[in-house]
PDB file of N, CA and C in Angstrom:
ATOM      1  N   UNK A   1     151.076  86.192   3.073  1.00  0.00           N
ATOM      2  CA  UNK A   1     150.323  85.887   1.441  1.00  0.00           C
ATOM      3  C   UNK A   1     150.931  85.470   0.676  1.00  0.00           C
ATOM      4  N   UNK A   2     151.030  83.939   1.125  1.00  0.00           N
ATOM      5  CA  UNK A   2     150.761  83.250  -0.717  1.00  0.00           C
ATOM      6  C   UNK A   2     150.273  83.820  -2.321  1.00  0.00           C
ATOM      7  N   UNK A   3     150.416  83.223  -2.999  1.00  0.00           N
ATOM      8  CA  UNK A   3     150.032  83.780  -4.331  1.00  0.00           C
ATOM      9  C   UNK A   3     149.116  83.405  -4.369  1.00  0.00           C
ATOM     10  N   UNK A   4     148.262  82.579  -4.107  1.00  0.00           N
ATOM     11  CA  UNK A   4     146.812  81.966  -4.111  1.00  0.00           C
ATOM     12  C   UNK A   4     146.672  83.071  -3.530  1.00  0.00           C
ATOM     13  N   UNK A   5     146.129  83.253  -2.865  1.00  0.00           N
ATOM     14  CA  UNK A   5     145.679  84.453  -1.432  1.00  0.00           C
ATOM     15  C   UNK A   5     146.010  85.936  -2.846  1.00  0.00           C
ATOM     16  N   UNK A   6     146.650  86.135  -3.147  1.00  0.00           N
ATOM     17  CA  UNK A   6     146.306  87.860  -4.204  1.00  0.00           C
ATOM     18  C   UNK A   6     145.616  87.245  -4.690  1.00  0.00           C
ATOM     19  N   UNK A   7     145.113  85.981  -5.776  1.00  0.00           N
ATOM     20  CA  UNK A   7     144.677  85.951  -6.390  1.00  0.00           C
ATOM     21  C   UNK A   7     143.251  86.090  -6.181  1.00  0.00           C
ATOM     22  N   UNK A   8     142.304  85.042  -4.934  1.00  0.00           N
ATOM     23  CA  UNK A   8     141.593  84.851  -4.363  1.00  0.00           C
ATOM     24  C   UNK A   8     140.968  86.297  -4.401  1.00  0.00           C
ATOM     25  N   UNK A   9     141.840  87.607  -3.954  1.00  0.00           N
ATOM     26  CA  UNK A   9     141.760  88.845  -2.978  1.00  0.00           C
ATOM     27  C   UNK A   9     141.808  89.927  -4.248  1.00  0.00           C
ATOM     28  N   UNK A  10     141.824  89.088  -5.070  1.00  0.00           N
ATOM     29  CA  UNK A  10     141.661  90.195  -6.626  1.00  0.00           C
ATOM     30  C   UNK A  10     139.970  90.128  -6.885  1.00  0.00           C
ATOM     31  N   UNK A  11     140.116  88.754  -6.645  1.00  0.00           N
ATOM     32  CA  UNK A  11     138.719  88.008  -7.529  1.00  0.00           C
ATOM     33  C   UNK A  11     137.146  89.206  -5.905  1.00  0.00           C
ATOM     34  N   UNK A  12     137.723  89.046  -5.146  1.00  0.00           N
ATOM     35  CA  UNK A  12     136.567  89.957  -4.532  1.00  0.00           C
ATOM     36  C   UNK A  12     136.619  91.165  -4.315  1.00  0.00           C
ATOM     37  N   UNK A  13     137.668  91.675  -4.770  1.00  0.00           N
ATOM     38  CA  UNK A  13     137.743  93.338  -4.909  1.00  0.00           C
ATOM     39  C   UNK A  13     137.447  93.693  -6.494  1.00  0.00           C
ATOM     40  N   UNK A  14     137.346  92.643  -7.723  1.00  0.00           N
ATOM     41  CA  UNK A  14     136.971  93.120  -8.472  1.00  0.00           C
ATOM     42  C   UNK A  14     135.286  93.007  -8.271  1.00  0.00           C
ATOM     43  N   UNK A  15     134.971  92.115  -7.580  1.00  0.00           N
ATOM     44  CA  UNK A  15     133.109  91.078  -7.406  1.00  0.00           C
ATOM     45  C   UNK A  15     132.711  92.373  -6.809  1.00  0.00           C
ATOM     46  N   UNK A  16     133.425  92.933  -5.365  1.00  0.00           N
ATOM     47  CA  UNK A  16     132.151  94.379  -4.885  1.00  0.00           C
ATOM     48  C   UNK A  16     132.553  95.441  -6.187  1.00  0.00           C
ATOM     49  N   UNK A  17     133.858  95.741  -6.316  1.00  0.00           N
ATOM     50  CA  UNK A  17     133.603  97.361  -7.227  1.00  0.00           C
ATOM     51  C   UNK A  17     132.806  96.302  -8.717  1.00  0.00           C
ATOM     52  N   UNK A  18     132.188  95.780  -8.839  1.00  0.00           N
ATOM     53  CA  UNK A  18     130.954  95.067 -10.215  1.00  0.00           C
ATOM     54  C   UNK A  18     129.664  94.925  -9.165  1.00  0.00           C
ATOM     55  N   UNK A  19     129.594  95.515  -7.830  1.00  0.00           N
ATOM     56  CA  UNK A  19     128.121  95.555  -6.969  1.00  0.00           C
ATOM     57  C   UNK A  19     128.486  97.238  -7.425  1.00  0.00           C
ATOM     58  N   UNK A  20     128.807  97.415  -7.226  1.00  0.00           N
ATOM     59  CA  UNK A  20     129.556  99.037  -6.613  1.00  0.00           C
ATOM     60  C   UNK A  20     128.874 100.140  -7.700  1.00  0.00           C
ATOM     61  N   UNK A  21     129.253  99.510  -9.524  1.00  0.00           N
ATOM     62  CA  UNK A  21     129.381  99.640 -10.535  1.00  0.00           C
ATOM     63  C   UNK A  21     127.766  99.431 -10.819  1.00  0.00           C
ATOM     64  N   UNK A  22     126.937  98.476 -10.360  1.00  0.00           N
ATOM     65  CA  UNK A  22     125.223  97.449 -11.175  1.00  0.00           C
ATOM     66  C   UNK A  22     124.413  98.459  -9.969  1.00  0.00           C
ATOM     67  N   UNK A  23     124.962  99.439  -8.841  1.00  0.00           N
ATOM     68  CA  UNK A  23     124.148  99.779  -7.519  1.00  0.00           C
ATOM     69  C   UNK A  23     124.351 101.076  -7.689  1.00  0.00           C
ATOM     70  N   UNK A  24     124.523 102.011  -8.028  1.00  0.00           N
ATOM     71  CA  UNK A  24     125.262 103.271  -7.963  1.00  0.00           C
ATOM     72  C   UNK A  24     124.320 104.654  -8.810  1.00  0.00           C
ATOM     73  N   UNK A  25     123.093 104.237  -9.181  1.00  0.00           N
ATOM     74  CA  UNK A  25     122.516 105.466  -9.753  1.00  0.00           C
ATOM     75  C   UNK A  25     121.672 104.955  -9.438  1.00  0.00           C
ATOM     76  N   UNK A  26     121.360 103.669  -8.457  1.00  0.00           N
ATOM     77  CA  UNK A  26     119.877 103.702  -8.376  1.00  0.00           C
ATOM     78  C   UNK A  26     119.089 102.999  -6.618  1.00  0.00           C
ATOM     79  N   UNK A  27     117.761 103.161  -6.459  1.00  0.00           N
ATOM     80  CA  UNK A  27     117.387 103.432  -4.680  1.00  0.00           C
ATOM     81  C   UNK A  27     116.843 101.900  -5.060  1.00  0.00           C
ATOM     82  N   UNK A  28     116.869 101.448  -3.572  1.00  0.00           N
ATOM     83  CA  UNK A  28     116.578 100.417  -3.058  1.00  0.00           C
ATOM     84  C   UNK A  28     114.682 100.112  -3.517  1.00  0.00           C
ATOM     85  N   UNK A  29     114.437 101.101  -3.982  1.00  0.00           N
ATOM     86  CA  UNK A  29     112.992 100.625  -4.326  1.00  0.00           C
ATOM     87  C   UNK A  29     113.392  99.746  -6.161  1.00  0.00           C
ATOM     88  N   UNK A  30     114.382 101.272  -7.351  1.00  0.00           N
ATOM     89  CA  UNK A  30     114.316 100.466  -7.546  1.00  0.00           C
ATOM     90  C   UNK A  30     115.310  99.025  -8.118  1.00  0.00           C
ATOM     91  N   UNK A  31     115.988  99.034  -7.464  1.00  0.00           N
ATOM     92  CA  UNK A  31     116.861  97.305  -7.255  1.00  0.00           C
ATOM     93  C   UNK A  31     116.076  96.838  -7.132  1.00  0.00           C
ATOM     94  N   UNK A  32     114.882  96.649  -5.927  1.00  0.00           N
ATOM     95  CA  UNK A  32     113.749  95.794  -6.065  1.00  0.00           C
ATOM     96  C   UNK A  32     113.141  95.804  -6.826  1.00  0.00           C
ATOM     97  N   UNK A  33     112.689  96.443  -7.725  1.00  0.00           N
ATOM     98  CA  UNK A  33     112.163  96.603  -8.677  1.00  0.00           C
ATOM     99  C   UNK A  33     112.760  95.982 -10.715  1.00  0.00           C
ATOM    100  N   UNK A  34     114.071  95.716 -10.675  1.00  0.00           N
ATOM    101  CA  UNK A  34     115.160  94.756 -11.825  1.00  0.00           C
ATOM    102  C   UNK A  34     115.682  94.019 -10.969  1.00  0.00           C
ATOM    103  N   UNK A  35     115.403  92.557 -11.587  1.00  0.00           N
ATOM    104  CA  UNK A  35     115.831  91.497 -11.271  1.00  0.00           C
ATOM    105  C   UNK A  35     116.847  91.578 -11.797  1.00  0.00           C
ATOM    106  N   UNK A  36     117.413  92.231 -12.891  1.00  0.00           N
ATOM    107  CA  UNK A  36     118.771  91.427 -13.244  1.00  0.00           C
ATOM    108  C   UNK A  36     119.952  92.129 -13.013  1.00  0.00           C
ATOM    109  N   UNK A  37     119.666  93.616 -12.247  1.00  0.00           N
ATOM    110  CA  UNK A  37     120.496  93.895 -11.711  1.00  0.00           C
ATOM    111  C   UNK A  37     120.735  92.901  -9.947  1.00  0.00           C
ATOM    112  N   UNK A  38     119.540  92.576  -9.620  1.00  0.00           N
ATOM    113  CA  UNK A  38     119.458  91.606  -8.258  1.00  0.00           C
ATOM    114  C   UNK A  38     120.296  90.452  -8.968  1.00  0.00           C
ATOM    115  N   UNK A  39     119.883  90.253  -9.984  1.00  0.00           N
ATOM    116  CA  UNK A  39     120.480  88.331 -10.466  1.00  0.00           C
ATOM    117  C   UNK A  39     122.114  89.417 -10.379  1.00  0.00           C
ATOM    118  N   UNK A  40     122.359  89.980 -10.892  1.00  0.00           N
ATOM    119  CA  UNK A  40     124.072  90.255 -11.314  1.00  0.00           C
ATOM    120  C   UNK A  40     124.915  90.087  -9.798  1.00  0.00           C
ATOM    121  N   UNK A  41     124.331  91.180  -8.997  1.00  0.00           N
ATOM    122  CA  UNK A  41     124.425  91.213  -7.274  1.00  0.00           C
ATOM    123  C   UNK A  41     124.489  89.794  -6.512  1.00  0.00           C
ATOM    124  N   UNK A  42     124.554  89.167  -6.868  1.00  0.00           N
ATOM    125  CA  UNK A  42     124.140  87.905  -6.271  1.00  0.00           C
ATOM    126  C   UNK A  42     124.976  87.212  -6.629  1.00  0.00           C
ATOM    127  N   UNK A  43     124.884  86.392  -8.373  1.00  0.00           N
ATOM    128  CA  UNK A  43     126.530  86.568  -8.444  1.00  0.00           C
ATOM    129  C   UNK A  43     127.823  86.970  -8.149  1.00  0.00           C
ATOM    130  N   UNK A  44     127.724  88.481  -7.505  1.00  0.00           N
ATOM    131  CA  UNK A  44     129.433  89.148  -7.366  1.00  0.00           C
ATOM    132  C   UNK A  44     129.804  88.855  -6.022  1.00  0.00           C
ATOM    133  N   UNK A  45     128.288  88.491  -4.928  1.00  0.00           N
ATOM    134  CA  UNK A  45     128.398  87.930  -3.904  1.00  0.00           C
ATOM    135  C   UNK A  45     128.598  85.838  -3.708  1.00  0.00           C
ATOM    136  N   UNK A  46     127.970  85.811  -4.898  1.00  0.00           N
ATOM    137  CA  UNK A  46     128.308  84.040  -5.005  1.00  0.00           C
ATOM    138  C   UNK A  46     130.144  83.842  -4.802  1.00  0.00           C
ATOM    139  N   UNK A  47     130.741  85.020  -5.782  1.00  0.00           N
ATOM    140  CA  UNK A  47     131.939  84.985  -6.281  1.00  0.00           C
ATOM    141  C   UNK A  47     133.081  85.365  -4.988  1.00  0.00           C
ATOM    142  N   UNK A  48     132.299  86.216  -4.338  1.00  0.00           N
ATOM    143  CA  UNK A  48     132.813  86.358  -3.297  1.00  0.00           C
ATOM    144  C   UNK A  48     133.224  85.602  -2.191  1.00  0.00           C
ATOM    145  N   UNK A  49     131.299  84.755  -1.361  1.00  0.00           N
ATOM    146  CA  UNK A  49     132.092  83.531  -1.618  1.00  0.00           C
ATOM    147  C   UNK A  49     132.665  82.634  -1.491  1.00  0.00           C
ATOM    148  N   UNK A  50     132.449  82.354  -2.066  1.00  0.00           N
ATOM    149  CA  UNK A  50     133.714  81.565  -2.959  1.00  0.00           C
ATOM    150  C   UNK A  50     135.312  81.271  -3.275  1.00  0.00           C
ATOM    151  N   UNK A  51     135.895  83.067  -3.789  1.00  0.00           N
ATOM    152  CA  UNK A  51     137.364  82.822  -2.871  1.00  0.00           C
ATOM    153  C   UNK A  51     137.356  83.270  -1.539  1.00  0.00           C
ATOM    154  N   UNK A  52     136.811  83.309  -0.895  1.00  0.00           N
ATOM    155  CA  UNK A  52     136.747  83.529   0.274  1.00  0.00           C
ATOM    156  C   UNK A  52     136.592  82.982   1.141  1.00  0.00           C
ATOM    157  N   UNK A  53     136.075  80.957   1.018  1.00  0.00           N
ATOM    158  CA  UNK A  53     136.831  80.046   1.594  1.00  0.00           C
ATOM    159  C   UNK A  53     138.040  79.129   0.787  1.00  0.00           C
ATOM    160  N   UNK A  54     138.284  80.339  -0.613  1.00  0.00           N
ATOM    161  CA  UNK A  54     139.799  79.651  -0.441  1.00  0.00           C
ATOM    162  C   UNK A  54     140.585  79.379  -0.178  1.00  0.00           C
ATOM    163  N   UNK A  55     140.956  81.045   0.521  1.00  0.00           N
ATOM    164  CA  UNK A  55     141.925  82.024   1.224  1.00  0.00           C
ATOM    165  C   UNK A  55     142.597  81.368   2.172  1.00  0.00           C
ATOM    166  N   UNK A  56     143.066  80.702   2.501  1.00  0.00           N
ATOM    167  CA  UNK A  56     144.480  80.653   3.470  1.00  0.00           C
ATOM    168  C   UNK A  56     144.436  80.972   4.624  1.00  0.00           C
ATOM    169  N   UNK A  57     143.709  79.873   5.808  1.00  0.00           N
ATOM    170  CA  UNK A  57     143.710  80.660   7.736  1.00  0.00           C
ATOM    171  C   UNK A  57     145.146  81.228   7.411  1.00  0.00           C
TER     172      UNK A  57
END
């Protein structure tokens, strides 16, 4: 694995953990009502996507 890949994988892992933190004590209904949490989760998904597309083949 390239050194850069390790960094990107760490970014992905960190983003997943943040999503878990943001959503751990809420149900679907609360998630739908809370735009701040939605925006935070969406941002972390964007980070995952950006990091994933930079991984080597």
